[in-house]
C-alpha atoms as a PDB file:
ATOM      1  CA  UNK A   1       3.419 -32.193  67.804  1.00  0.00           C
ATOM      2  CA  UNK A   2       2.292 -35.937  68.080  1.00  0.00           C
ATOM      3  CA  UNK A   3       2.182 -38.242  64.799  1.00  0.00           C
ATOM      4  CA  UNK A   4      -0.744 -40.646  65.493  1.00  0.00           C
ATOM      5  CA  UNK A   5       0.800 -43.534  64.046  1.00  0.00           C
ATOM      6  CA  UNK A   6      -0.576 -47.436  64.861  1.00  0.00           C
ATOM      7  CA  UNK A   7       2.768 -48.861  66.357  1.00  0.00           C
ATOM      8  CA  UNK A   8       2.910 -52.951  67.474  1.00  0.00           C
ATOM      9  CA  UNK A   9       4.915 -54.021  70.391  1.00  0.00           C
ATOM     10  CA  UNK A  10       8.406 -53.835  68.977  1.00  0.00           C
ATOM     11  CA  UNK A  11       7.628 -49.955  67.401  1.00  0.00           C
ATOM     12  CA  UNK A  12       7.219 -50.314  64.184  1.00  0.00           C
ATOM     13  CA  UNK A  13       4.297 -48.938  62.463  1.00  0.00           C
ATOM     14  CA  UNK A  14       1.485 -51.059  61.063  1.00  0.00           C
ATOM     15  CA  UNK A  15       0.068 -51.158  58.079  1.00  0.00           C
ATOM     16  CA  UNK A  16      -3.460 -52.343  56.663  1.00  0.00           C
ATOM     17  CA  UNK A  17      -4.854 -53.617  53.714  1.00  0.00           C
ATOM     18  CA  UNK A  18      -8.386 -51.661  54.675  1.00  0.00           C
ATOM     19  CA  UNK A  19      -8.149 -47.479  55.009  1.00  0.00           C
ATOM     20  CA  UNK A  20     -10.284 -44.995  56.775  1.00  0.00           C
ATOM     21  CA  UNK A  21     -11.417 -41.547  55.951  1.00  0.00           C
ATOM     22  CA  UNK A  22     -10.150 -38.705  58.499  1.00  0.00           C
ATOM     23  CA  UNK A  23     -14.058 -37.855  58.611  1.00  0.00           C
ATOM     24  CA  UNK A  24     -14.543 -41.359  60.153  1.00  0.00           C
ATOM     25  CA  UNK A  25     -11.405 -40.571  62.034  1.00  0.00           C
ATOM     26  CA  UNK A  26     -12.541 -37.200  63.300  1.00  0.00           C
ATOM     27  CA  UNK A  27     -16.374 -38.481  64.448  1.00  0.00           C
ATOM     28  CA  UNK A  28     -14.667 -40.777  66.095  1.00  0.00           C
ATOM     29  CA  UNK A  29     -12.665 -38.111  67.854  1.00  0.00           C
ATOM     30  CA  UNK A  30     -15.942 -35.652  68.117  1.00  0.00           C
ATOM     31  CA  UNK A  31     -17.894 -38.578  69.466  1.00  0.00           C
ATOM     32  CA  UNK A  32     -14.903 -39.426  72.359  1.00  0.00           C
ATOM     33  CA  UNK A  33     -14.709 -35.485  73.447  1.00  0.00           C
ATOM     34  CA  UNK A  34     -18.585 -35.275  73.587  1.00  0.00           C
ATOM     35  CA  UNK A  35     -18.266 -32.296  71.116  1.00  0.00           C
ATOM     36  CA  UNK A  36     -21.748 -31.921  69.304  1.00  0.00           C
ATOM     37  CA  UNK A  37     -21.731 -31.650  65.717  1.00  0.00           C
ATOM     38  CA  UNK A  38     -23.458 -28.629  64.825  1.00  0.00           C
ATOM     39  CA  UNK A  39     -21.218 -26.697  67.158  1.00  0.00           C
ATOM     40  CA  UNK A  40     -17.849 -28.060  65.980  1.00  0.00           C
ATOM     41  CA  UNK A  41     -18.838 -27.250  62.396  1.00  0.00           C
ATOM     42  CA  UNK A  42     -19.654 -23.564  63.067  1.00  0.00           C
ATOM     43  CA  UNK A  43     -16.442 -23.348  64.938  1.00  0.00           C
ATOM     44  CA  UNK A  44     -14.623 -24.889  61.635  1.00  0.00           C
ATOM     45  CA  UNK A  45     -16.826 -21.975  59.732  1.00  0.00           C
ATOM     46  CA  UNK A  46     -18.058 -25.075  57.689  1.00  0.00           C
ATOM     47  CA  UNK A  47     -22.199 -25.170  57.055  1.00  0.00           C
ATOM     48  CA  UNK A  48     -23.756 -27.679  58.911  1.00  0.00           C
ATOM     49  CA  UNK A  49     -24.497 -30.090  55.500  1.00  0.00           C
ATOM     50  CA  UNK A  50     -20.747 -29.675  54.149  1.00  0.00           C
ATOM     51  CA  UNK A  51     -19.500 -31.071  57.581  1.00  0.00           C
ATOM     52  CA  UNK A  52     -21.831 -33.816  57.230  1.00  0.00           C
ATOM     53  CA  UNK A  53     -20.477 -34.676  54.039  1.00  0.00           C
ATOM     54  CA  UNK A  54     -17.215 -34.620  55.669  1.00  0.00           C
ATOM     55  CA  UNK A  55     -17.605 -36.839  58.375  1.00  0.00           C
ATOM     56  CA  UNK A  56     -19.277 -39.474  55.897  1.00  0.00           C
ATOM     57  CA  UNK A  57     -16.317 -39.435  53.407  1.00  0.00           C
ATOM     58  CA  UNK A  58     -17.954 -37.384  50.696  1.00  0.00           C
ATOM     59  CA  UNK A  59     -15.680 -33.988  51.236  1.00  0.00           C
ATOM     60  CA  UNK A  60     -11.664 -34.060  51.288  1.00  0.00           C
ATOM     61  CA  UNK A  61      -9.943 -32.558  54.122  1.00  0.00           C
ATOM     62  CA  UNK A  62      -7.890 -29.505  52.844  1.00  0.00           C
ATOM     63  CA  UNK A  63      -5.205 -28.136  54.174  1.00  0.00           C
ATOM     64  CA  UNK A  64      -7.198 -25.249  55.555  1.00  0.00           C
ATOM     65  CA  UNK A  65      -9.400 -27.681  57.591  1.00  0.00           C
ATOM     66  CA  UNK A  66      -6.899 -29.356  58.508  1.00  0.00           C
ATOM     67  CA  UNK A  67      -5.289 -26.309  60.216  1.00  0.00           C
ATOM     68  CA  UNK A  68      -8.549 -25.683  61.766  1.00  0.00           C
ATOM     69  CA  UNK A  69      -8.915 -29.032  63.382  1.00  0.00           C
ATOM     70  CA  UNK A  70      -5.350 -28.813  64.652  1.00  0.00           C
ATOM     71  CA  UNK A  71      -6.268 -25.205  66.327  1.00  0.00           C
ATOM     72  CA  UNK A  72      -9.698 -26.829  68.020  1.00  0.00           C
ATOM     73  CA  UNK A  73      -8.371 -30.414  68.569  1.00  0.00           C
ATOM     74  CA  UNK A  74      -4.907 -30.158  68.979  1.00  0.00           C
ATOM     75  CA  UNK A  75      -4.112 -32.680  66.343  1.00  0.00           C
ATOM     76  CA  UNK A  76      -1.511 -31.769  64.201  1.00  0.00           C
ATOM     77  CA  UNK A  77      -2.402 -30.408  60.526  1.00  0.00           C
ATOM     78  CA  UNK A  78      -0.305 -32.939  59.037  1.00  0.00           C
ATOM     79  CA  UNK A  79      -1.688 -35.864  60.837  1.00  0.00           C
ATOM     80  CA  UNK A  80      -4.904 -34.886  59.279  1.00  0.00           C
ATOM     81  CA  UNK A  81      -3.465 -34.229  55.542  1.00  0.00           C
ATOM     82  CA  UNK A  82      -1.450 -37.827  56.008  1.00  0.00           C
ATOM     83  CA  UNK A  83      -4.830 -39.544  56.696  1.00  0.00           C
ATOM     84  CA  UNK A  84      -6.434 -38.000  53.701  1.00  0.00           C
ATOM     85  CA  UNK A  85      -3.305 -38.658  51.185  1.00  0.00           C
ATOM     86  CA  UNK A  86      -3.319 -42.032  52.395  1.00  0.00           C
ATOM     87  CA  UNK A  87      -7.086 -42.346  52.070  1.00  0.00           C
ATOM     88  CA  UNK A  88      -6.607 -41.280  48.219  1.00  0.00           C
ATOM     89  CA  UNK A  89      -3.696 -43.396  47.631  1.00  0.00           C
ATOM     90  CA  UNK A  90      -5.500 -46.468  48.881  1.00  0.00           C
ATOM     91  CA  UNK A  91      -8.731 -45.562  46.678  1.00  0.00           C
ATOM     92  CA  UNK A  92      -6.797 -44.601  43.370  1.00  0.00           C
ATOM     93  CA  UNK A  93      -4.806 -47.985  44.045  1.00  0.00           C
ATOM     94  CA  UNK A  94      -8.093 -50.100  44.654  1.00  0.00           C
ATOM     95  CA  UNK A  95      -9.424 -48.551  41.342  1.00  0.00           C
ATOM     96  CA  UNK A  96      -6.260 -49.551  39.523  1.00  0.00           C
ATOM     97  CA  UNK A  97      -6.412 -53.345  40.735  1.00  0.00           C
ATOM     98  CA  UNK A  98      -9.922 -53.428  39.800  1.00  0.00           C
ATOM     99  CA  UNK A  99      -8.920 -52.169  35.680  1.00  0.00           C
ATOM    100  CA  UNK A 100      -6.078 -54.634  36.060  1.00  0.00           C
END
């Protein structure tokens, strides 16, 4: 399975001070593959409204959804979960910095 990491020219993983919600990544993937959102939501077994919320960062990628994404797109469930966890951690750290 692929890891889908961003690497520099020396092969080191790049970390940034910004993050992206997995829904944004999924939106880009669907656009790149010319997949209709309504059809994909149906294949995922999600209501269109819930799927739209996922794409707009209002819902999280669960382990069950990550496994379905893996099956439908060929991108590992671990990747989707890692993006979600990185996003969650980034958001929590930002909250802590605002309070401090």
